[in-house]
All heavy atoms as atom14 arrays in JSON, in Angstrom:
{
  "sequence": "VADSSVDPIIEEYREEYGKDYLVPENLKILAAQ",
  "atom14_mask": [
    [1, 1, 1, 1, 1, 1, 1, 0, 0, 0, 0, 0, 0, 0],
    [1, 1, 1, 1, 1, 0, 0, 0, 0, 0, 0, 0, 0, 0],
    [1, 1, 1, 1, 1, 1, 1, 1, 0, 0, 0, 0, 0, 0],
    [1, 1, 1, 1, 1, 1, 0, 0, 0, 0, 0, 0, 0, 0],
    [1, 1, 1, 1, 1, 1, 0, 0, 0, 0, 0, 0, 0, 0],
    [1, 1, 1, 1, 1, 1, 1, 0, 0, 0, 0, 0, 0, 0],
    [1, 1, 1, 1, 1, 1, 1, 1, 0, 0, 0, 0, 0, 0],
    [1, 1, 1, 1, 1, 1, 1, 0, 0, 0, 0, 0, 0, 0],
    [1, 1, 1, 1, 1, 1, 1, 1, 0, 0, 0, 0, 0, 0],
    [1, 1, 1, 1, 1, 1, 1, 1, 0, 0, 0, 0, 0, 0],
    [1, 1, 1, 1, 1, 1, 1, 1, 1, 0, 0, 0, 0, 0],
    [1, 1, 1, 1, 1, 1, 1, 1, 1, 0, 0, 0, 0, 0],
    [1, 1, 1, 1, 1, 1, 1, 1, 1, 1, 1, 1, 0, 0],
    [1, 1, 1, 1, 1, 1, 1, 1, 1, 1, 1, 0, 0, 0],
    [1, 1, 1, 1, 1, 1, 1, 1, 1, 0, 0, 0, 0, 0],
    [1, 1, 1, 1, 1, 1, 1, 1, 1, 0, 0, 0, 0, 0],
    [1, 1, 1, 1, 1, 1, 1, 1, 1, 1, 1, 1, 0, 0],
    [1, 1, 1, 1, 0, 0, 0, 0, 0, 0, 0, 0, 0, 0],
    [1, 1, 1, 1, 1, 1, 1, 1, 1, 0, 0, 0, 0, 0],
    [1, 1, 1, 1, 1, 1, 1, 1, 0, 0, 0, 0, 0, 0],
    [1, 1, 1, 1, 1, 1, 1, 1, 1, 1, 1, 1, 0, 0],
    [1, 1, 1, 1, 1, 1, 1, 1, 0, 0, 0, 0, 0, 0],
    [1, 1, 1, 1, 1, 1, 1, 0, 0, 0, 0, 0, 0, 0],
    [1, 1, 1, 1, 1, 1, 1, 0, 0, 0, 0, 0, 0, 0],
    [1, 1, 1, 1, 1, 1, 1, 1, 1, 0, 0, 0, 0, 0],
    [1, 1, 1, 1, 1, 1, 1, 1, 0, 0, 0, 0, 0, 0],
    [1, 1, 1, 1, 1, 1, 1, 1, 0, 0, 0, 0, 0, 0],
    [1, 1, 1, 1, 1, 1, 1, 1, 1, 0, 0, 0, 0, 0],
    [1, 1, 1, 1, 1, 1, 1, 1, 0, 0, 0, 0, 0, 0],
    [1, 1, 1, 1, 1, 1, 1, 1, 0, 0, 0, 0, 0, 0],
    [1, 1, 1, 1, 1, 0, 0, 0, 0, 0, 0, 0, 0, 0],
    [1, 1, 1, 1, 1, 0, 0, 0, 0, 0, 0, 0, 0, 0],
    [1, 1, 1, 1, 1, 1, 1, 1, 1, 0, 0, 0, 0, 0]
  ],
  "atom14_positions": [
    [[47.5, 27.76, 105.72], [46.28, 27.62, 104.91], [46.58, 28.18, 103.53], [47.23, 29.22, 103.4], [45.12, 28.42, 105.57], [43.9, 28.47, 104.67], [44.78, 27.84, 106.93], [0.0, 0.0, 0.0], [0.0, 0.0, 0.0], [0.0, 0.0, 0.0], [0.0, 0.0, 0.0], [0.0, 0.0, 0.0], [0.0, 0.0, 0.0], [0.0, 0.0, 0.0]],
    [[46.09, 27.49, 102.49], [46.23, 27.99, 101.13], [45.12, 29.0, 100.85], [44.08, 29.01, 101.51], [46.15, 26.84, 100.13], [0.0, 0.0, 0.0], [0.0, 0.0, 0.0], [0.0, 0.0, 0.0], [0.0, 0.0, 0.0], [0.0, 0.0, 0.0], [0.0, 0.0, 0.0], [0.0, 0.0, 0.0], [0.0, 0.0, 0.0], [0.0, 0.0, 0.0]],
    [[45.33, 29.84, 99.86], [44.33, 30.81, 99.43], [43.02, 30.08, 99.09], [43.04, 28.95, 98.6], [44.85, 31.58, 98.21], [43.94, 32.71, 97.83], [42.95, 32.45, 97.13], [44.21, 33.85, 98.25], [0.0, 0.0, 0.0], [0.0, 0.0, 0.0], [0.0, 0.0, 0.0], [0.0, 0.0, 0.0], [0.0, 0.0, 0.0], [0.0, 0.0, 0.0]],
    [[41.91, 30.74, 99.32], [40.61, 30.1, 99.1], [40.32, 29.78, 97.63], [39.47, 28.96, 97.33], [39.49, 30.98, 99.68], [39.49, 32.22, 99.04], [0.0, 0.0, 0.0], [0.0, 0.0, 0.0], [0.0, 0.0, 0.0], [0.0, 0.0, 0.0], [0.0, 0.0, 0.0], [0.0, 0.0, 0.0], [0.0, 0.0, 0.0], [0.0, 0.0, 0.0]],
    [[41.01, 30.42, 96.71], [40.79, 30.17, 95.29], [41.83, 29.2, 94.73], [42.31, 29.36, 93.62], [40.8, 31.48, 94.51], [42.03, 32.14, 94.7], [0.0, 0.0, 0.0], [0.0, 0.0, 0.0], [0.0, 0.0, 0.0], [0.0, 0.0, 0.0], [0.0, 0.0, 0.0], [0.0, 0.0, 0.0], [0.0, 0.0, 0.0], [0.0, 0.0, 0.0]],
    [[42.14, 28.18, 95.51], [43.21, 27.23, 95.17], [42.96, 26.47, 93.88], [43.85, 26.34, 93.04], [43.4, 26.22, 96.33], [44.26, 25.06, 95.93], [43.97, 26.92, 97.54], [0.0, 0.0, 0.0], [0.0, 0.0, 0.0], [0.0, 0.0, 0.0], [0.0, 0.0, 0.0], [0.0, 0.0, 0.0], [0.0, 0.0, 0.0], [0.0, 0.0, 0.0]],
    [[41.77, 25.95, 93.69], [41.52, 25.05, 92.57], [41.83, 25.66, 91.2], [42.55, 25.05, 90.41], [40.09, 24.5, 92.63], [39.88, 23.62, 93.86], [40.86, 23.05, 94.36], [38.72, 23.51, 94.32], [0.0, 0.0, 0.0], [0.0, 0.0, 0.0], [0.0, 0.0, 0.0], [0.0, 0.0, 0.0], [0.0, 0.0, 0.0], [0.0, 0.0, 0.0]],
    [[41.33, 26.86, 90.89], [41.68, 27.42, 89.57], [43.17, 27.75, 89.45], [43.74, 27.64, 88.37], [40.83, 28.68, 89.45], [40.17, 28.9, 90.76], [40.34, 27.66, 91.58], [0.0, 0.0, 0.0], [0.0, 0.0, 0.0], [0.0, 0.0, 0.0], [0.0, 0.0, 0.0], [0.0, 0.0, 0.0], [0.0, 0.0, 0.0], [0.0, 0.0, 0.0]],
    [[43.8, 28.14, 90.54], [45.24, 28.42, 90.52], [46.02, 27.16, 90.17], [46.91, 27.17, 89.32], [45.72, 29.01, 91.87], [45.1, 30.39, 92.1], [47.24, 29.06, 91.94], [45.31, 30.94, 93.5], [0.0, 0.0, 0.0], [0.0, 0.0, 0.0], [0.0, 0.0, 0.0], [0.0, 0.0, 0.0], [0.0, 0.0, 0.0], [0.0, 0.0, 0.0]],
    [[45.67, 26.05, 90.81], [46.35, 24.77, 90.55], [46.1, 24.32, 89.11], [47.02, 23.88, 88.42], [45.92, 23.7, 91.57], [46.49, 24.04, 92.95], [46.36, 22.31, 91.12], [45.99, 23.16, 94.07], [0.0, 0.0, 0.0], [0.0, 0.0, 0.0], [0.0, 0.0, 0.0], [0.0, 0.0, 0.0], [0.0, 0.0, 0.0], [0.0, 0.0, 0.0]],
    [[44.88, 24.44, 88.65], [44.54, 24.03, 87.28], [45.36, 24.82, 86.26], [45.94, 24.25, 85.33], [43.04, 24.23, 87.04], [42.58, 23.7, 85.72], [41.07, 23.85, 85.57], [40.33, 23.63, 86.55], [40.65, 24.2, 84.44], [0.0, 0.0, 0.0], [0.0, 0.0, 0.0], [0.0, 0.0, 0.0], [0.0, 0.0, 0.0], [0.0, 0.0, 0.0]],
    [[45.42, 26.12, 86.44], [46.19, 26.97, 85.53], [47.68, 26.63, 85.59], [48.36, 26.55, 84.56], [45.98, 28.44, 85.89], [46.64, 29.41, 84.94], [46.34, 30.85, 85.31], [45.16, 31.19, 85.43], [47.31, 31.63, 85.46], [0.0, 0.0, 0.0], [0.0, 0.0, 0.0], [0.0, 0.0, 0.0], [0.0, 0.0, 0.0], [0.0, 0.0, 0.0]],
    [[48.18, 26.4, 86.8], [49.59, 26.03, 86.98], [49.9, 24.73, 86.24], [50.9, 24.63, 85.52], [49.9, 25.91, 88.48], [51.24, 25.26, 88.76], [52.41, 26.02, 88.73], [51.33, 23.91, 89.04], [53.64, 25.42, 88.97], [52.55, 23.31, 89.29], [53.71, 24.06, 89.25], [54.92, 23.48, 89.48], [0.0, 0.0, 0.0], [0.0, 0.0, 0.0]],
    [[49.05, 23.71, 86.42], [49.29, 22.41, 85.78], [49.26, 22.54, 84.26], [50.05, 21.9, 83.57], [48.25, 21.38, 86.24], [48.29, 21.07, 87.71], [48.93, 19.82, 88.15], [48.95, 18.66, 87.35], [48.41, 17.51, 87.69], [47.74, 17.39, 88.81], [48.55, 16.46, 86.93], [0.0, 0.0, 0.0], [0.0, 0.0, 0.0], [0.0, 0.0, 0.0]],
    [[48.36, 23.36, 83.74], [48.31, 23.57, 82.29], [49.57, 24.26, 81.8], [50.12, 23.9, 80.76], [47.07, 24.4, 81.93], [45.77, 23.64, 82.02], [44.56, 24.5, 81.75], [44.72, 25.63, 81.23], [43.45, 24.05, 82.06], [0.0, 0.0, 0.0], [0.0, 0.0, 0.0], [0.0, 0.0, 0.0], [0.0, 0.0, 0.0], [0.0, 0.0, 0.0]],
    [[50.04, 25.25, 82.54], [51.21, 26.02, 82.11], [52.49, 25.19, 82.16], [53.32, 25.28, 81.27], [51.37, 27.27, 82.98], [52.52, 28.15, 82.53], [52.58, 29.47, 83.29], [51.59, 29.86, 83.91], [53.66, 30.1, 83.23], [0.0, 0.0, 0.0], [0.0, 0.0, 0.0], [0.0, 0.0, 0.0], [0.0, 0.0, 0.0], [0.0, 0.0, 0.0]],
    [[52.65, 24.38, 83.2], [53.92, 23.66, 83.38], [53.89, 22.22, 82.88], [54.94, 21.58, 82.83], [54.38, 23.73, 84.84], [54.83, 25.12, 85.19], [53.95, 26.04, 85.77], [56.11, 25.56, 84.87], [54.35, 27.34, 86.04], [56.52, 26.85, 85.13], [55.63, 27.74, 85.72], [56.02, 29.02, 85.98], [0.0, 0.0, 0.0], [0.0, 0.0, 0.0]],
    [[52.74, 21.73, 82.49], [52.66, 20.39, 81.91], [53.38, 19.34, 82.71], [53.21, 19.24, 83.93], [0.0, 0.0, 0.0], [0.0, 0.0, 0.0], [0.0, 0.0, 0.0], [0.0, 0.0, 0.0], [0.0, 0.0, 0.0], [0.0, 0.0, 0.0], [0.0, 0.0, 0.0], [0.0, 0.0, 0.0], [0.0, 0.0, 0.0], [0.0, 0.0, 0.0]],
    [[54.22, 18.55, 82.04], [54.92, 17.45, 82.72], [55.96, 17.94, 83.72], [56.44, 17.16, 84.53], [55.55, 16.51, 81.7], [56.62, 17.13, 80.84], [57.16, 16.11, 79.83], [58.03, 16.74, 78.81], [59.36, 17.03, 79.11], [0.0, 0.0, 0.0], [0.0, 0.0, 0.0], [0.0, 0.0, 0.0], [0.0, 0.0, 0.0], [0.0, 0.0, 0.0]],
    [[56.28, 19.21, 83.72], [57.25, 19.77, 84.66], [56.59, 20.37, 85.91], [57.22, 21.12, 86.64], [58.09, 20.84, 83.97], [58.99, 20.26, 82.89], [59.42, 19.1, 83.04], [59.25, 20.97, 81.9], [0.0, 0.0, 0.0], [0.0, 0.0, 0.0], [0.0, 0.0, 0.0], [0.0, 0.0, 0.0], [0.0, 0.0, 0.0], [0.0, 0.0, 0.0]],
    [[55.33, 20.0, 86.15], [54.62, 20.62, 87.27], [55.17, 20.22, 88.64], [54.93, 20.91, 89.62], [53.11, 20.35, 87.18], [52.68, 18.96, 87.58], [52.19, 18.71, 88.85], [52.74, 17.9, 86.69], [51.77, 17.45, 89.23], [52.34, 16.64, 87.04], [51.85, 16.41, 88.32], [51.44, 15.16, 88.69], [0.0, 0.0, 0.0], [0.0, 0.0, 0.0]],
    [[55.94, 19.14, 88.75], [56.5, 18.72, 90.04], [57.96, 19.15, 90.24], [58.58, 18.81, 91.23], [56.39, 17.2, 90.22], [54.97, 16.67, 90.38], [54.96, 15.16, 90.46], [54.3, 17.28, 91.6], [0.0, 0.0, 0.0], [0.0, 0.0, 0.0], [0.0, 0.0, 0.0], [0.0, 0.0, 0.0], [0.0, 0.0, 0.0], [0.0, 0.0, 0.0]],
    [[58.49, 19.93, 89.33], [59.86, 20.43, 89.45], [59.89, 21.49, 90.56], [59.09, 22.43, 90.54], [60.34, 21.03, 88.1], [61.69, 21.71, 88.25], [60.38, 19.96, 87.02], [0.0, 0.0, 0.0], [0.0, 0.0, 0.0], [0.0, 0.0, 0.0], [0.0, 0.0, 0.0], [0.0, 0.0, 0.0], [0.0, 0.0, 0.0], [0.0, 0.0, 0.0]],
    [[60.79, 21.33, 91.54], [60.82, 22.27, 92.68], [60.87, 23.74, 92.3], [60.19, 24.55, 92.93], [62.07, 21.84, 93.46], [62.17, 20.37, 93.19], [61.74, 20.22, 91.76], [0.0, 0.0, 0.0], [0.0, 0.0, 0.0], [0.0, 0.0, 0.0], [0.0, 0.0, 0.0], [0.0, 0.0, 0.0], [0.0, 0.0, 0.0], [0.0, 0.0, 0.0]],
    [[61.63, 24.11, 91.28], [61.7, 25.52, 90.88], [60.33, 26.04, 90.43], [59.96, 27.17, 90.71], [62.74, 25.73, 89.78], [64.17, 25.64, 90.26], [64.47, 26.6, 91.41], [64.14, 27.79, 91.32], [65.04, 26.14, 92.42], [0.0, 0.0, 0.0], [0.0, 0.0, 0.0], [0.0, 0.0, 0.0], [0.0, 0.0, 0.0], [0.0, 0.0, 0.0]],
    [[59.58, 25.19, 89.72], [58.24, 25.57, 89.29], [57.28, 25.61, 90.48], [56.41, 26.47, 90.56], [57.72, 24.63, 88.21], [58.57, 24.68, 86.96], [59.27, 25.66, 86.71], [58.54, 23.63, 86.17], [0.0, 0.0, 0.0], [0.0, 0.0, 0.0], [0.0, 0.0, 0.0], [0.0, 0.0, 0.0], [0.0, 0.0, 0.0], [0.0, 0.0, 0.0]],
    [[57.44, 24.67, 91.39], [56.58, 24.62, 92.58], [56.78, 25.85, 93.47], [55.85, 26.26, 94.17], [56.82, 23.34, 93.37], [56.22, 22.09, 92.73], [56.82, 20.83, 93.35], [54.71, 22.09, 92.84], [0.0, 0.0, 0.0], [0.0, 0.0, 0.0], [0.0, 0.0, 0.0], [0.0, 0.0, 0.0], [0.0, 0.0, 0.0], [0.0, 0.0, 0.0]],
    [[57.95, 26.47, 93.41], [58.16, 27.71, 94.17], [57.24, 28.81, 93.65], [56.72, 29.62, 94.42], [59.62, 28.15, 94.07], [60.57, 27.27, 94.85], [62.02, 27.7, 94.66], [62.96, 26.75, 95.36], [64.37, 27.1, 95.14], [0.0, 0.0, 0.0], [0.0, 0.0, 0.0], [0.0, 0.0, 0.0], [0.0, 0.0, 0.0], [0.0, 0.0, 0.0]],
    [[57.01, 28.82, 92.36], [56.09, 29.8, 91.76], [54.67, 29.52, 92.24], [53.94, 30.43, 92.63], [56.2, 29.75, 90.21], [57.59, 30.21, 89.78], [55.1, 30.58, 89.56], [57.95, 29.87, 88.36], [0.0, 0.0, 0.0], [0.0, 0.0, 0.0], [0.0, 0.0, 0.0], [0.0, 0.0, 0.0], [0.0, 0.0, 0.0], [0.0, 0.0, 0.0]],
    [[54.3, 28.23, 92.24], [52.97, 27.86, 92.72], [52.8, 28.23, 94.19], [51.75, 28.75, 94.59], [52.73, 26.36, 92.52], [51.39, 25.84, 93.04], [50.23, 26.49, 92.3], [51.33, 24.32, 92.91], [0.0, 0.0, 0.0], [0.0, 0.0, 0.0], [0.0, 0.0, 0.0], [0.0, 0.0, 0.0], [0.0, 0.0, 0.0], [0.0, 0.0, 0.0]],
    [[53.82, 28.0, 95.0], [53.75, 28.33, 96.42], [53.42, 29.8, 96.63], [52.6, 30.16, 97.48], [55.06, 27.97, 97.12], [0.0, 0.0, 0.0], [0.0, 0.0, 0.0], [0.0, 0.0, 0.0], [0.0, 0.0, 0.0], [0.0, 0.0, 0.0], [0.0, 0.0, 0.0], [0.0, 0.0, 0.0], [0.0, 0.0, 0.0], [0.0, 0.0, 0.0]],
    [[54.04, 30.67, 95.83], [53.78, 32.11, 95.95], [52.32, 32.43, 95.57], [51.69, 33.28, 96.19], [54.74, 32.9, 95.07], [0.0, 0.0, 0.0], [0.0, 0.0, 0.0], [0.0, 0.0, 0.0], [0.0, 0.0, 0.0], [0.0, 0.0, 0.0], [0.0, 0.0, 0.0], [0.0, 0.0, 0.0], [0.0, 0.0, 0.0], [0.0, 0.0, 0.0]],
    [[51.79, 31.71, 94.59], [50.42, 31.96, 94.15], [49.39, 31.43, 95.15], [48.29, 31.95, 95.25], [50.17, 31.29, 92.79], [50.98, 31.92, 91.68], [50.85, 31.13, 90.38], [50.59, 29.94, 90.38], [51.03, 31.83, 89.28], [0.0, 0.0, 0.0], [0.0, 0.0, 0.0], [0.0, 0.0, 0.0], [0.0, 0.0, 0.0], [0.0, 0.0, 0.0]]
  ]
}
């Protein structure tokens, strides 16, 4: 199960990583969050 505050975390992540949001190294950071 993902953390209950998923939506703002994902939104912030997508803004920070832009077009590189699907890069596995970046997704590892998202996974931790």
